[in-house]
Amino acid sequence: MDQIMEEDFRVIDNCLIIRLPEEVDHHQAGYISENADKHLLRKEVRHVVFDFENTRFMDSSGIGIIMGRYRKISCFGGRVYAIHADSQIQRIFKVSGLHKIVEIM
């Protein structure tokens, strides 16, 4: 299983880009949330971009990660985006309602 590492979190301009692992589940959720929040405390971060290029599976923990970051960043007028989401991930977004608050690019 692909593990997420510190280098999977990058701040470019005012965007925090999080490259997600192959499986986004409860085993990874704590680490992802904790590190994302650490980066969000930086004043220059205004938006969060979740990169699903390597992701093939996401359970409700992944939905929780995204919802939690949305709640935090939207308080400051920020937005959440998803990139490289395959049809399976897009389906999860639609079924869960995430597509209403996260822009899929």
PDB file of N, CA and C in Angstrom:
ATOM      1  N   MET A   1       0.846  -1.187   0.000  1.00  0.00           N
ATOM      2  CA  MET A   1       0.000   0.000   0.000  1.00  0.00           C
ATOM      3  C   MET A   1       0.882   1.237   0.000  1.00  0.00           C
ATOM      4  N   ASP A   2       0.502   2.195  -0.784  1.00  0.00           N
ATOM      5  CA  ASP A   2       1.204   3.458  -0.935  1.00  0.00           C
ATOM      6  C   ASP A   2       0.987   4.322   0.311  1.00  0.00           C
ATOM      7  N   GLN A   3       2.058   4.790   0.917  1.00  0.00           N
ATOM      8  CA  GLN A   3       1.971   5.648   2.097  1.00  0.00           C
ATOM      9  C   GLN A   3       2.122   7.105   1.683  1.00  0.00           C
ATOM     10  N   ILE A   4       1.408   7.986   2.366  1.00  0.00           N
ATOM     11  CA  ILE A   4       1.552   9.414   2.114  1.00  0.00           C
ATOM     12  C   ILE A   4       2.697   9.940   2.969  1.00  0.00           C
ATOM     13  N   MET A   5       3.479  10.834   2.402  1.00  0.00           N
ATOM     14  CA  MET A   5       4.674  11.355   3.058  1.00  0.00           C
ATOM     15  C   MET A   5       4.584  12.882   3.130  1.00  0.00           C
ATOM     16  N   GLU A   6       5.492  13.463   3.883  1.00  0.00           N
ATOM     17  CA  GLU A   6       5.530  14.924   4.019  1.00  0.00           C
ATOM     18  C   GLU A   6       5.656  15.611   2.660  1.00  0.00           C
ATOM     19  N   GLU A   7       6.422  15.004   1.744  1.00  0.00           N
ATOM     20  CA  GLU A   7       6.612  15.639   0.434  1.00  0.00           C
ATOM     21  C   GLU A   7       5.344  15.614  -0.431  1.00  0.00           C
ATOM     22  N   ASP A   8       4.319  14.915   0.021  1.00  0.00           N
ATOM     23  CA  ASP A   8       3.042  14.909  -0.697  1.00  0.00           C
ATOM     24  C   ASP A   8       2.189  16.140  -0.371  1.00  0.00           C
ATOM     25  N   PHE A   9       2.703  16.999   0.502  1.00  0.00           N
ATOM     26  CA  PHE A   9       2.042  18.252   0.860  1.00  0.00           C
ATOM     27  C   PHE A   9       2.921  19.397   0.363  1.00  0.00           C
ATOM     28  N   ARG A  10       2.393  20.189  -0.579  1.00  0.00           N
ATOM     29  CA  ARG A  10       3.170  21.308  -1.123  1.00  0.00           C
ATOM     30  C   ARG A  10       2.318  22.562  -1.111  1.00  0.00           C
ATOM     31  N   VAL A  11       2.946  23.676  -0.813  1.00  0.00           N
ATOM     32  CA  VAL A  11       2.272  24.961  -0.904  1.00  0.00           C
ATOM     33  C   VAL A  11       2.874  25.682  -2.096  1.00  0.00           C
ATOM     34  N   ILE A  12       2.023  25.972  -3.077  1.00  0.00           N
ATOM     35  CA  ILE A  12       2.430  26.724  -4.263  1.00  0.00           C
ATOM     36  C   ILE A  12       1.523  27.934  -4.339  1.00  0.00           C
ATOM     37  N   ASP A  13       2.155  29.101  -4.339  1.00  0.00           N
ATOM     38  CA  ASP A  13       1.435  30.374  -4.249  1.00  0.00           C
ATOM     39  C   ASP A  13       0.555  30.319  -3.004  1.00  0.00           C
ATOM     40  N   ASN A  14      -0.740  30.405  -3.162  1.00  0.00           N
ATOM     41  CA  ASN A  14      -1.638  30.374  -1.994  1.00  0.00           C
ATOM     42  C   ASN A  14      -2.454  29.078  -1.931  1.00  0.00           C
ATOM     43  N   CYS A  15      -1.957  28.034  -2.586  1.00  0.00           N
ATOM     44  CA  CYS A  15      -2.675  26.757  -2.634  1.00  0.00           C
ATOM     45  C   CYS A  15      -1.884  25.645  -1.936  1.00  0.00           C
ATOM     46  N   LEU A  16      -2.561  24.906  -1.090  1.00  0.00           N
ATOM     47  CA  LEU A  16      -1.999  23.688  -0.518  1.00  0.00           C
ATOM     48  C   LEU A  16      -2.411  22.547  -1.429  1.00  0.00           C
ATOM     49  N   ILE A  17      -1.435  21.869  -1.998  1.00  0.00           N
ATOM     50  CA  ILE A  17      -1.700  20.739  -2.883  1.00  0.00           C
ATOM     51  C   ILE A  17      -1.338  19.470  -2.129  1.00  0.00           C
ATOM     52  N   ILE A  18      -2.309  18.564  -2.038  1.00  0.00           N
ATOM     53  CA  ILE A  18      -2.119  17.309  -1.325  1.00  0.00           C
ATOM     54  C   ILE A  18      -2.233  16.164  -2.321  1.00  0.00           C
ATOM     55  N   ARG A  19      -1.125  15.489  -2.549  1.00  0.00           N
ATOM     56  CA  ARG A  19      -1.121  14.319  -3.436  1.00  0.00           C
ATOM     57  C   ARG A  19      -1.524  13.120  -2.589  1.00  0.00           C
ATOM     58  N   LEU A  20      -2.701  12.580  -2.874  1.00  0.00           N
ATOM     59  CA  LEU A  20      -3.250  11.492  -2.072  1.00  0.00           C
ATOM     60  C   LEU A  20      -2.685  10.137  -2.504  1.00  0.00           C
ATOM     61  N   PRO A  21      -2.642   9.187  -1.558  1.00  0.00           N
ATOM     62  CA  PRO A  21      -2.104   7.855  -1.877  1.00  0.00           C
ATOM     63  C   PRO A  21      -3.099   7.018  -2.675  1.00  0.00           C
ATOM     64  N   GLU A  22      -2.686   5.813  -3.021  1.00  0.00           N
ATOM     65  CA  GLU A  22      -3.531   4.901  -3.796  1.00  0.00           C
ATOM     66  C   GLU A  22      -4.826   4.574  -3.059  1.00  0.00           C
ATOM     67  N   GLU A  23      -4.742   4.397  -1.750  1.00  0.00           N
ATOM     68  CA  GLU A  23      -5.923   4.102  -0.936  1.00  0.00           C
ATOM     69  C   GLU A  23      -6.064   5.165   0.149  1.00  0.00           C
ATOM     70  N   VAL A  24      -7.196   5.841   0.145  1.00  0.00           N
ATOM     71  CA  VAL A  24      -7.485   6.842   1.166  1.00  0.00           C
ATOM     72  C   VAL A  24      -8.523   6.225   2.093  1.00  0.00           C
ATOM     73  N   ASP A  25      -8.038   5.753   3.253  1.00  0.00           N
ATOM     74  CA  ASP A  25      -8.918   5.082   4.206  1.00  0.00           C
ATOM     75  C   ASP A  25      -8.554   5.519   5.622  1.00  0.00           C
ATOM     76  N   HIS A  26      -9.170   4.871   6.606  1.00  0.00           N
ATOM     77  CA  HIS A  26      -8.966   5.294   7.994  1.00  0.00           C
ATOM     78  C   HIS A  26      -7.523   5.132   8.456  1.00  0.00           C
ATOM     79  N   HIS A  27      -6.750   4.272   7.815  1.00  0.00           N
ATOM     80  CA  HIS A  27      -5.349   4.092   8.178  1.00  0.00           C
ATOM     81  C   HIS A  27      -4.526   5.340   7.874  1.00  0.00           C
ATOM     82  N   GLN A  28      -4.916   6.076   6.863  1.00  0.00           N
ATOM     83  CA  GLN A  28      -4.166   7.256   6.422  1.00  0.00           C
ATOM     84  C   GLN A  28      -4.830   8.568   6.850  1.00  0.00           C
ATOM     85  N   ALA A  29      -6.086   8.517   7.225  1.00  0.00           N
ATOM     86  CA  ALA A  29      -6.876   9.738   7.450  1.00  0.00           C
ATOM     87  C   ALA A  29      -6.282  10.666   8.507  1.00  0.00           C
ATOM     88  N   GLY A  30      -5.848  10.123   9.622  1.00  0.00           N
ATOM     89  CA  GLY A  30      -5.300  10.958  10.686  1.00  0.00           C
ATOM     90  C   GLY A  30      -4.073  11.724  10.237  1.00  0.00           C
ATOM     91  N   TYR A  31      -3.166  11.037   9.589  1.00  0.00           N
ATOM     92  CA  TYR A  31      -1.931  11.666   9.117  1.00  0.00           C
ATOM     93  C   TYR A  31      -2.226  12.754   8.084  1.00  0.00           C
ATOM     94  N   ILE A  32      -3.108  12.447   7.145  1.00  0.00           N
ATOM     95  CA  ILE A  32      -3.443  13.414   6.099  1.00  0.00           C
ATOM     96  C   ILE A  32      -4.087  14.653   6.720  1.00  0.00           C
ATOM     97  N   SER A  33      -5.070  14.459   7.584  1.00  0.00           N
ATOM     98  CA  SER A  33      -5.765  15.586   8.210  1.00  0.00           C
ATOM     99  C   SER A  33      -4.821  16.429   9.045  1.00  0.00           C
ATOM    100  N   GLU A  34      -4.008  15.776   9.845  1.00  0.00           N
ATOM    101  CA  GLU A  34      -3.069  16.474  10.734  1.00  0.00           C
ATOM    102  C   GLU A  34      -2.084  17.333   9.944  1.00  0.00           C
ATOM    103  N   ASN A  35      -1.500  16.759   8.915  1.00  0.00           N
ATOM    104  CA  ASN A  35      -0.541  17.514   8.111  1.00  0.00           C
ATOM    105  C   ASN A  35      -1.199  18.604   7.282  1.00  0.00           C
ATOM    106  N   ALA A  36      -2.380  18.338   6.769  1.00  0.00           N
ATOM    107  CA  ALA A  36      -3.095  19.373   6.026  1.00  0.00           C
ATOM    108  C   ALA A  36      -3.390  20.560   6.939  1.00  0.00           C
ATOM    109  N   ASP A  37      -3.859  20.289   8.151  1.00  0.00           N
ATOM    110  CA  ASP A  37      -4.177  21.364   9.089  1.00  0.00           C
ATOM    111  C   ASP A  37      -2.928  22.159   9.465  1.00  0.00           C
ATOM    112  N   LYS A  38      -1.809  21.483   9.604  1.00  0.00           N
ATOM    113  CA  LYS A  38      -0.546  22.168   9.909  1.00  0.00           C
ATOM    114  C   LYS A  38      -0.215  23.179   8.806  1.00  0.00           C
ATOM    115  N   HIS A  39      -0.410  22.779   7.557  1.00  0.00           N
ATOM    116  CA  HIS A  39      -0.140  23.677   6.441  1.00  0.00           C
ATOM    117  C   HIS A  39      -1.191  24.787   6.331  1.00  0.00           C
ATOM    118  N   LEU A  40      -2.426  24.487   6.701  1.00  0.00           N
ATOM    119  CA  LEU A  40      -3.487  25.496   6.621  1.00  0.00           C
ATOM    120  C   LEU A  40      -3.257  26.650   7.591  1.00  0.00           C
ATOM    121  N   LEU A  41      -2.504  26.399   8.651  1.00  0.00           N
ATOM    122  CA  LEU A  41      -2.223  27.453   9.613  1.00  0.00           C
ATOM    123  C   LEU A  41      -1.319  28.539   9.038  1.00  0.00           C
ATOM    124  N   ARG A  42      -0.674  28.222   7.941  1.00  0.00           N
ATOM    125  CA  ARG A  42       0.140  29.232   7.266  1.00  0.00           C
ATOM    126  C   ARG A  42      -0.781  30.293   6.674  1.00  0.00           C
ATOM    127  N   LYS A  43      -0.440  31.524   6.849  1.00  0.00           N
ATOM    128  CA  LYS A  43      -1.295  32.618   6.390  1.00  0.00           C
ATOM    129  C   LYS A  43      -1.468  32.646   4.876  1.00  0.00           C
ATOM    130  N   GLU A  44      -0.468  32.178   4.137  1.00  0.00           N
ATOM    131  CA  GLU A  44      -0.546  32.285   2.680  1.00  0.00           C
ATOM    132  C   GLU A  44      -1.438  31.236   2.030  1.00  0.00           C
ATOM    133  N   VAL A  45      -1.883  30.236   2.774  1.00  0.00           N
ATOM    134  CA  VAL A  45      -2.730  29.192   2.190  1.00  0.00           C
ATOM    135  C   VAL A  45      -4.180  29.658   2.172  1.00  0.00           C
ATOM    136  N   ARG A  46      -4.749  29.703   0.967  1.00  0.00           N
ATOM    137  CA  ARG A  46      -6.132  30.145   0.804  1.00  0.00           C
ATOM    138  C   ARG A  46      -7.014  29.044   0.210  1.00  0.00           C
ATOM    139  N   HIS A  47      -6.418  28.149  -0.555  1.00  0.00           N
ATOM    140  CA  HIS A  47      -7.165  27.092  -1.227  1.00  0.00           C
ATOM    141  C   HIS A  47      -6.488  25.744  -0.985  1.00  0.00           C
ATOM    142  N   VAL A  48      -7.289  24.681  -1.084  1.00  0.00           N
ATOM    143  CA  VAL A  48      -6.758  23.321  -0.954  1.00  0.00           C
ATOM    144  C   VAL A  48      -7.079  22.565  -2.241  1.00  0.00           C
ATOM    145  N   VAL A  49      -6.061  21.902  -2.780  1.00  0.00           N
ATOM    146  CA  VAL A  49      -6.218  21.092  -3.982  1.00  0.00           C
ATOM    147  C   VAL A  49      -5.861  19.648  -3.624  1.00  0.00           C
ATOM    148  N   PHE A  50      -6.826  18.758  -3.775  1.00  0.00           N
ATOM    149  CA  PHE A  50      -6.585  17.331  -3.558  1.00  0.00           C
ATOM    150  C   PHE A  50      -6.275  16.696  -4.902  1.00  0.00           C
ATOM    151  N   ASP A  51      -5.095  16.093  -5.009  1.00  0.00           N
ATOM    152  CA  ASP A  51      -4.658  15.454  -6.245  1.00  0.00           C
ATOM    153  C   ASP A  51      -4.907  13.944  -6.139  1.00  0.00           C
ATOM    154  N   PHE A  52      -5.847  13.448  -6.934  1.00  0.00           N
ATOM    155  CA  PHE A  52      -6.252  12.044  -6.917  1.00  0.00           C
ATOM    156  C   PHE A  52      -5.580  11.210  -8.002  1.00  0.00           C
ATOM    157  N   GLU A  53      -4.493  11.700  -8.574  1.00  0.00           N
ATOM    158  CA  GLU A  53      -3.873  11.005  -9.703  1.00  0.00           C
ATOM    159  C   GLU A  53      -3.540   9.543  -9.398  1.00  0.00           C
ATOM    160  N   ASN A  54      -3.056   9.255  -8.205  1.00  0.00           N
ATOM    161  CA  ASN A  54      -2.669   7.882  -7.852  1.00  0.00           C
ATOM    162  C   ASN A  54      -3.758   7.135  -7.084  1.00  0.00           C
ATOM    163  N   THR A  55      -4.859   7.782  -6.789  1.00  0.00           N
ATOM    164  CA  THR A  55      -5.879   7.208  -5.912  1.00  0.00           C
ATOM    165  C   THR A  55      -6.842   6.311  -6.687  1.00  0.00           C
ATOM    166  N   ARG A  56      -7.029   5.104  -6.173  1.00  0.00           N
ATOM    167  CA  ARG A  56      -7.948   4.142  -6.777  1.00  0.00           C
ATOM    168  C   ARG A  56      -9.093   3.769  -5.835  1.00  0.00           C
ATOM    169  N   PHE A  57      -8.926   4.097  -4.532  1.00  0.00           N
ATOM    170  CA  PHE A  57      -9.938   3.735  -3.543  1.00  0.00           C
ATOM    171  C   PHE A  57     -10.027   4.833  -2.498  1.00  0.00           C
ATOM    172  N   MET A  58     -11.267   5.178  -2.121  1.00  0.00           N
ATOM    173  CA  MET A  58     -11.488   6.136  -1.042  1.00  0.00           C
ATOM    174  C   MET A  58     -12.741   5.725  -0.295  1.00  0.00           C
ATOM    175  N   ASP A  59     -12.647   5.613   1.031  1.00  0.00           N
ATOM    176  CA  ASP A  59     -13.818   5.280   1.835  1.00  0.00           C
ATOM    177  C   ASP A  59     -14.336   6.538   2.538  1.00  0.00           C
ATOM    178  N   SER A  60     -15.221   6.373   3.500  1.00  0.00           N
ATOM    179  CA  SER A  60     -15.835   7.515   4.179  1.00  0.00           C
ATOM    180  C   SER A  60     -14.813   8.356   4.944  1.00  0.00           C
ATOM    181  N   SER A  61     -13.688   7.771   5.312  1.00  0.00           N
ATOM    182  CA  SER A  61     -12.627   8.552   5.963  1.00  0.00           C
ATOM    183  C   SER A  61     -12.083   9.613   5.011  1.00  0.00           C
ATOM    184  N   GLY A  62     -11.965   9.266   3.748  1.00  0.00           N
ATOM    185  CA  GLY A  62     -11.519  10.229   2.740  1.00  0.00           C
ATOM    186  C   GLY A  62     -12.509  11.364   2.575  1.00  0.00           C
ATOM    187  N   ILE A  63     -13.786  11.027   2.607  1.00  0.00           N
ATOM    188  CA  ILE A  63     -14.823  12.060   2.537  1.00  0.00           C
ATOM    189  C   ILE A  63     -14.694  12.982   3.743  1.00  0.00           C
ATOM    190  N   GLY A  64     -14.426  12.401   4.911  1.00  0.00           N
ATOM    191  CA  GLY A  64     -14.243  13.188   6.127  1.00  0.00           C
ATOM    192  C   GLY A  64     -13.051  14.116   6.045  1.00  0.00           C
ATOM    193  N   ILE A  65     -11.959  13.650   5.451  1.00  0.00           N
ATOM    194  CA  ILE A  65     -10.769  14.493   5.268  1.00  0.00           C
ATOM    195  C   ILE A  65     -11.130  15.721   4.456  1.00  0.00           C
ATOM    196  N   ILE A  66     -11.811  15.511   3.354  1.00  0.00           N
ATOM    197  CA  ILE A  66     -12.163  16.612   2.453  1.00  0.00           C
ATOM    198  C   ILE A  66     -13.149  17.562   3.118  1.00  0.00           C
ATOM    199  N   MET A  67     -14.170  17.010   3.767  1.00  0.00           N
ATOM    200  CA  MET A  67     -15.166  17.851   4.454  1.00  0.00           C
ATOM    201  C   MET A  67     -14.511  18.701   5.549  1.00  0.00           C
ATOM    202  N   GLY A  68     -13.612  18.102   6.312  1.00  0.00           N
ATOM    203  CA  GLY A  68     -12.938  18.833   7.381  1.00  0.00           C
ATOM    204  C   GLY A  68     -12.109  19.989   6.859  1.00  0.00           C
ATOM    205  N   ARG A  69     -11.370  19.770   5.777  1.00  0.00           N
ATOM    206  CA  ARG A  69     -10.564  20.847   5.212  1.00  0.00           C
ATOM    207  C   ARG A  69     -11.460  21.913   4.598  1.00  0.00           C
ATOM    208  N   TYR A  70     -12.580  21.488   3.991  1.00  0.00           N
ATOM    209  CA  TYR A  70     -13.534  22.457   3.437  1.00  0.00           C
ATOM    210  C   TYR A  70     -14.061  23.368   4.543  1.00  0.00           C
ATOM    211  N   ARG A  71     -14.454  22.790   5.671  1.00  0.00           N
ATOM    212  CA  ARG A  71     -14.979  23.589   6.782  1.00  0.00           C
ATOM    213  C   ARG A  71     -13.963  24.616   7.258  1.00  0.00           C
ATOM    214  N   LYS A  72     -12.723  24.204   7.333  1.00  0.00           N
ATOM    215  CA  LYS A  72     -11.675  25.114   7.825  1.00  0.00           C
ATOM    216  C   LYS A  72     -11.360  26.216   6.828  1.00  0.00           C
ATOM    217  N   ILE A  73     -11.188  25.872   5.572  1.00  0.00           N
ATOM    218  CA  ILE A  73     -10.745  26.849   4.575  1.00  0.00           C
ATOM    219  C   ILE A  73     -11.885  27.770   4.128  1.00  0.00           C
ATOM    220  N   SER A  74     -13.121  27.279   4.124  1.00  0.00           N
ATOM    221  CA  SER A  74     -14.243  28.101   3.665  1.00  0.00           C
ATOM    222  C   SER A  74     -14.548  29.234   4.632  1.00  0.00           C
ATOM    223  N   CYS A  75     -14.177  29.088   5.888  1.00  0.00           N
ATOM    224  CA  CYS A  75     -14.372  30.167   6.873  1.00  0.00           C
ATOM    225  C   CYS A  75     -13.602  31.419   6.487  1.00  0.00           C
ATOM    226  N   PHE A  76     -12.548  31.240   5.709  1.00  0.00           N
ATOM    227  CA  PHE A  76     -11.699  32.358   5.306  1.00  0.00           C
ATOM    228  C   PHE A  76     -11.889  32.712   3.831  1.00  0.00           C
ATOM    229  N   GLY A  77     -12.961  32.196   3.237  1.00  0.00           N
ATOM    230  CA  GLY A  77     -13.248  32.493   1.837  1.00  0.00           C
ATOM    231  C   GLY A  77     -12.483  31.627   0.856  1.00  0.00           C
ATOM    232  N   GLY A  78     -11.819  30.587   1.351  1.00  0.00           N
ATOM    233  CA  GLY A  78     -11.056  29.702   0.479  1.00  0.00           C
ATOM    234  C   GLY A  78     -11.931  28.658  -0.194  1.00  0.00           C
ATOM    235  N   ARG A  79     -11.342  27.962  -1.147  1.00  0.00           N
ATOM    236  CA  ARG A  79     -12.065  26.937  -1.891  1.00  0.00           C
ATOM    237  C   ARG A  79     -11.294  25.638  -1.875  1.00  0.00           C
ATOM    238  N   VAL A  80     -12.006  24.539  -2.175  1.00  0.00           N
ATOM    239  CA  VAL A  80     -11.397  23.219  -2.254  1.00  0.00           C
ATOM    240  C   VAL A  80     -11.607  22.684  -3.661  1.00  0.00           C
ATOM    241  N   TYR A  81     -10.547  22.118  -4.217  1.00  0.00           N
ATOM    242  CA  TYR A  81     -10.574  21.582  -5.573  1.00  0.00           C
ATOM    243  C   TYR A  81     -10.089  20.132  -5.568  1.00  0.00           C
ATOM    244  N   ALA A  82     -10.516  19.383  -6.570  1.00  0.00           N
ATOM    245  CA  ALA A  82     -10.032  18.022  -6.790  1.00  0.00           C
ATOM    246  C   ALA A  82      -9.522  17.940  -8.223  1.00  0.00           C
ATOM    247  N   ILE A  83      -8.329  17.377  -8.373  1.00  0.00           N
ATOM    248  CA  ILE A  83      -7.773  17.191  -9.715  1.00  0.00           C
ATOM    249  C   ILE A  83      -7.443  15.714  -9.929  1.00  0.00           C
ATOM    250  N   HIS A  84      -7.433  15.323 -11.177  1.00  0.00           N
ATOM    251  CA  HIS A  84      -7.088  13.952 -11.597  1.00  0.00           C
ATOM    252  C   HIS A  84      -7.998  12.891 -10.971  1.00  0.00           C
ATOM    253  N   ALA A  85      -9.240  13.224 -10.727  1.00  0.00           N
ATOM    254  CA  ALA A  85     -10.181  12.255 -10.150  1.00  0.00           C
ATOM    255  C   ALA A  85     -10.720  11.352 -11.261  1.00  0.00           C
ATOM    256  N   ASP A  86     -10.522  10.045 -11.113  1.00  0.00           N
ATOM    257  CA  ASP A  86     -11.045   9.117 -12.116  1.00  0.00           C
ATOM    258  C   ASP A  86     -12.554   8.946 -11.927  1.00  0.00           C
ATOM    259  N   SER A  87     -13.170   8.136 -12.747  1.00  0.00           N
ATOM    260  CA  SER A  87     -14.630   7.987 -12.710  1.00  0.00           C
ATOM    261  C   SER A  87     -15.115   7.417 -11.378  1.00  0.00           C
ATOM    262  N   GLN A  88     -14.349   6.532 -10.761  1.00  0.00           N
ATOM    263  CA  GLN A  88     -14.720   5.953  -9.465  1.00  0.00           C
ATOM    264  C   GLN A  88     -14.742   7.039  -8.376  1.00  0.00           C
ATOM    265  N   ILE A  89     -13.711   7.874  -8.347  1.00  0.00           N
ATOM    266  CA  ILE A  89     -13.635   8.949  -7.352  1.00  0.00           C
ATOM    267  C   ILE A  89     -14.732   9.980  -7.627  1.00  0.00           C
ATOM    268  N   GLN A  90     -14.975  10.304  -8.871  1.00  0.00           N
ATOM    269  CA  GLN A  90     -16.044  11.254  -9.209  1.00  0.00           C
ATOM    270  C   GLN A  90     -17.406  10.713  -8.782  1.00  0.00           C
ATOM    271  N   ARG A  91     -17.598   9.425  -8.910  1.00  0.00           N
ATOM    272  CA  ARG A  91     -18.850   8.795  -8.472  1.00  0.00           C
ATOM    273  C   ARG A  91     -19.015   8.950  -6.959  1.00  0.00           C
ATOM    274  N   ILE A  92     -17.945   8.735  -6.202  1.00  0.00           N
ATOM    275  CA  ILE A  92     -17.985   8.912  -4.750  1.00  0.00           C
ATOM    276  C   ILE A  92     -18.343  10.356  -4.417  1.00  0.00           C
ATOM    277  N   PHE A  93     -17.786  11.298  -5.153  1.00  0.00           N
ATOM    278  CA  PHE A  93     -18.097  12.711  -4.936  1.00  0.00           C
ATOM    279  C   PHE A  93     -19.584  12.982  -5.159  1.00  0.00           C
ATOM    280  N   LYS A  94     -20.147  12.416  -6.202  1.00  0.00           N
ATOM    281  CA  LYS A  94     -21.567  12.647  -6.499  1.00  0.00           C
ATOM    282  C   LYS A  94     -22.479  11.983  -5.476  1.00  0.00           C
ATOM    283  N   VAL A  95     -22.198  10.742  -5.121  1.00  0.00           N
ATOM    284  CA  VAL A  95     -23.028   9.997  -4.168  1.00  0.00           C
ATOM    285  C   VAL A  95     -22.994  10.655  -2.790  1.00  0.00           C
ATOM    286  N   SER A  96     -21.818  11.152  -2.396  1.00  0.00           N
ATOM    287  CA  SER A  96     -21.663  11.742  -1.060  1.00  0.00           C
ATOM    288  C   SER A  96     -22.101  13.203  -1.003  1.00  0.00           C
ATOM    289  N   GLY A  97     -22.259  13.833  -2.152  1.00  0.00           N
ATOM    290  CA  GLY A  97     -22.614  15.253  -2.181  1.00  0.00           C
ATOM    291  C   GLY A  97     -21.410  16.178  -2.176  1.00  0.00           C
ATOM    292  N   LEU A  98     -20.205  15.625  -2.166  1.00  0.00           N
ATOM    293  CA  LEU A  98     -18.997  16.457  -2.173  1.00  0.00           C
ATOM    294  C   LEU A  98     -18.912  17.342  -3.414  1.00  0.00           C
ATOM    295  N   HIS A  99     -19.487  16.885  -4.514  1.00  0.00           N
ATOM    296  CA  HIS A  99     -19.419  17.666  -5.743  1.00  0.00           C
ATOM    297  C   HIS A  99     -20.088  19.037  -5.615  1.00  0.00           C
ATOM    298  N   LYS A 100     -20.903  19.227  -4.582  1.00  0.00           N
ATOM    299  CA  LYS A 100     -21.572  20.508  -4.353  1.00  0.00           C
ATOM    300  C   LYS A 100     -20.634  21.533  -3.706  1.00  0.00           C
ATOM    301  N   ILE A 101     -19.593  21.059  -3.031  1.00  0.00           N
ATOM    302  CA  ILE A 101     -18.703  21.985  -2.322  1.00  0.00           C
ATOM    303  C   ILE A 101     -17.255  21.942  -2.826  1.00  0.00           C
ATOM    304  N   VAL A 102     -16.924  20.919  -3.608  1.00  0.00           N
ATOM    305  CA  VAL A 102     -15.577  20.768  -4.140  1.00  0.00           C
ATOM    306  C   VAL A 102     -15.652  20.853  -5.656  1.00  0.00           C
ATOM    307  N   GLU A 103     -14.859  21.721  -6.229  1.00  0.00           N
ATOM    308  CA  GLU A 103     -14.834  21.838  -7.680  1.00  0.00           C
ATOM    309  C   GLU A 103     -13.899  20.780  -8.263  1.00  0.00           C
ATOM    310  N   ILE A 104     -14.447  19.913  -9.117  1.00  0.00           N
ATOM    311  CA  ILE A 104     -13.653  18.869  -9.753  1.00  0.00           C
ATOM    312  C   ILE A 104     -13.113  19.421 -11.068  1.00  0.00           C
ATOM    313  N   MET A 105     -11.811  19.396 -11.191  1.00  0.00           N
ATOM    314  CA  MET A 105     -11.175  19.979 -12.370  1.00  0.00           C
ATOM    315  C   MET A 105     -10.587  18.878 -13.240  1.00  0.00           C
TER     316      MET A 105
END
